[in-house]
Amino acid sequence: MLLIYLYVKFYFDKVEFTIPSGLLALIRRVDKETGMADIKPDKVLDVRGLKCPMPLVKVRQSLRNMHSGEVLEIVADDITTKSTFAAYLKHSGDELLELDEAGEEIRYYIRKK
């Protein structure tokens, strides 16, 4: 039996949903099997082998050169990118479409605002 739960927080007039990462991985796996999670990036940025803060520096440079609505795929292997990208996206207004982990490799799909 699969137990699905959402933890809902209310901040003024905004609702924020937090979904457990295990559930997100399951949802992505199902989407990939059905072909529903097809995100077509406009640009791919490989930051594997780079350590903090360089992945974020490269991402900011790439996003600066992109147009609104375009999608950037980032391939990283530094686990600290999760927290640094999350903090950056919170302030930049750009949207994280998907975060996919496979082994030591992490793929981010970010849409420029």
Protein backbone atom coordinates (compact mmCIF):
# COMPACT_ATOMS: atom_id res chain seq x y z
CA MET A 1 0.00 0.00 0.00
CA LEU A 2 1.36 3.38 -1.01
CA LEU A 3 0.75 6.12 1.49
CA ILE A 4 0.76 9.56 -0.08
CA TYR A 5 0.85 12.61 2.07
CA LEU A 6 1.33 16.31 1.66
CA TYR A 7 2.55 18.64 4.31
CA VAL A 8 0.86 21.97 3.76
CA LYS A 9 2.13 25.25 5.14
CA PHE A 10 0.25 28.51 4.90
CA TYR A 11 2.27 31.69 4.51
CA PHE A 12 -0.03 34.68 4.34
CA ASP A 13 -1.98 34.15 1.11
CA LYS A 14 0.43 31.57 -0.35
CA VAL A 15 0.26 27.81 0.03
CA GLU A 16 3.47 25.78 -0.14
CA PHE A 17 3.36 22.01 -0.67
CA THR A 18 6.23 19.82 0.47
CA ILE A 19 6.27 16.36 -1.08
CA PRO A 20 8.70 13.73 0.25
CA SER A 21 11.61 13.09 -2.15
CA GLY A 22 10.86 9.34 -2.28
CA LEU A 23 7.37 10.10 -3.53
CA LEU A 24 8.72 12.55 -6.11
CA ALA A 25 11.12 9.89 -7.40
CA LEU A 26 8.21 7.44 -7.72
CA ILE A 27 6.09 10.00 -9.56
CA ARG A 28 8.96 10.79 -11.96
CA ARG A 29 9.57 7.07 -12.59
CA VAL A 30 5.88 6.58 -13.48
CA ASP A 31 5.92 9.68 -15.68
CA LYS A 32 9.00 8.46 -17.53
CA GLU A 33 7.39 5.07 -18.14
CA THR A 34 4.28 6.73 -19.58
CA GLY A 35 6.30 9.33 -21.47
CA MET A 36 4.64 12.25 -19.70
CA ALA A 37 7.80 13.80 -18.24
CA ASP A 38 9.35 14.93 -21.50
CA ILE A 39 11.13 18.19 -20.79
CA LYS A 40 12.95 19.55 -23.81
CA PRO A 41 15.84 21.75 -22.64
CA ASP A 42 16.92 24.68 -24.77
CA LYS A 43 20.43 24.47 -23.34
CA VAL A 44 22.42 21.83 -21.41
CA LEU A 45 25.06 22.79 -18.84
CA ASP A 46 27.46 20.16 -17.50
CA VAL A 47 28.96 21.19 -14.14
CA ARG A 48 30.17 17.74 -13.08
CA GLY A 49 33.50 17.89 -11.30
CA LEU A 50 32.98 21.48 -10.16
CA LYS A 51 32.65 22.27 -6.46
CA CYS A 52 30.70 25.03 -4.74
CA PRO A 53 30.35 27.87 -5.68
CA MET A 54 31.33 27.24 -9.32
CA PRO A 55 28.19 25.29 -10.36
CA LEU A 56 26.02 28.22 -9.24
CA VAL A 57 28.29 30.74 -11.00
CA LYS A 58 27.97 28.76 -14.27
CA VAL A 59 24.19 28.42 -13.88
CA ARG A 60 23.76 32.15 -13.29
CA GLN A 61 25.88 32.93 -16.36
CA SER A 62 23.87 30.54 -18.52
CA LEU A 63 20.49 31.80 -17.31
CA ARG A 64 21.59 35.40 -17.89
CA ASN A 65 22.13 34.58 -21.57
CA MET A 66 18.76 32.82 -22.00
CA HIS A 67 15.33 34.22 -22.88
CA SER A 68 12.27 34.08 -20.66
CA GLY A 69 10.53 30.69 -20.82
CA GLU A 70 13.58 28.77 -22.02
CA VAL A 71 14.65 25.65 -20.12
CA LEU A 72 18.16 24.94 -18.85
CA GLU A 73 19.20 21.36 -18.06
CA ILE A 74 22.03 21.16 -15.53
CA VAL A 75 24.02 17.98 -14.92
CA ALA A 76 25.86 18.03 -11.58
CA ASP A 77 27.55 15.62 -9.19
CA ASP A 78 28.07 17.90 -6.18
CA ILE A 79 25.36 17.26 -3.56
CA THR A 80 25.65 20.84 -2.25
CA THR A 81 24.05 22.09 -5.48
CA LYS A 82 20.66 21.06 -4.06
CA SER A 83 20.77 23.68 -1.33
CA THR A 84 22.60 26.38 -3.30
CA PHE A 85 20.28 26.09 -6.34
CA ALA A 86 17.19 26.06 -4.08
CA ALA A 87 18.31 29.26 -2.36
CA TYR A 88 19.16 30.90 -5.68
CA LEU A 89 15.84 29.95 -7.29
CA LYS A 90 13.92 31.30 -4.31
CA HIS A 91 15.41 34.75 -4.94
CA SER A 92 15.69 34.74 -8.74
CA GLY A 93 12.11 33.73 -9.50
CA ASP A 94 13.22 31.09 -12.00
CA GLU A 95 11.30 27.80 -11.79
CA LEU A 96 12.66 24.35 -10.97
CA LEU A 97 10.69 22.03 -13.25
CA GLU A 98 12.34 18.79 -12.21
CA LEU A 99 15.16 17.40 -10.14
CA ASP A 100 16.24 13.90 -11.13
CA GLU A 101 18.83 11.88 -9.22
CA ALA A 102 20.47 8.82 -10.75
CA GLY A 103 23.36 7.48 -8.70
CA GLU A 104 25.79 10.31 -8.08
CA GLU A 105 24.43 12.38 -10.97
CA ILE A 106 21.82 15.07 -10.38
CA ARG A 107 19.87 16.66 -13.24
CA TYR A 108 18.02 19.94 -12.78
CA TYR A 109 15.56 21.43 -15.25
CA ILE A 110 15.10 25.16 -14.69
CA ARG A 111 12.78 27.49 -16.62
CA LYS A 112 13.93 31.10 -16.82
CA LYS A 113 11.33 33.58 -15.65
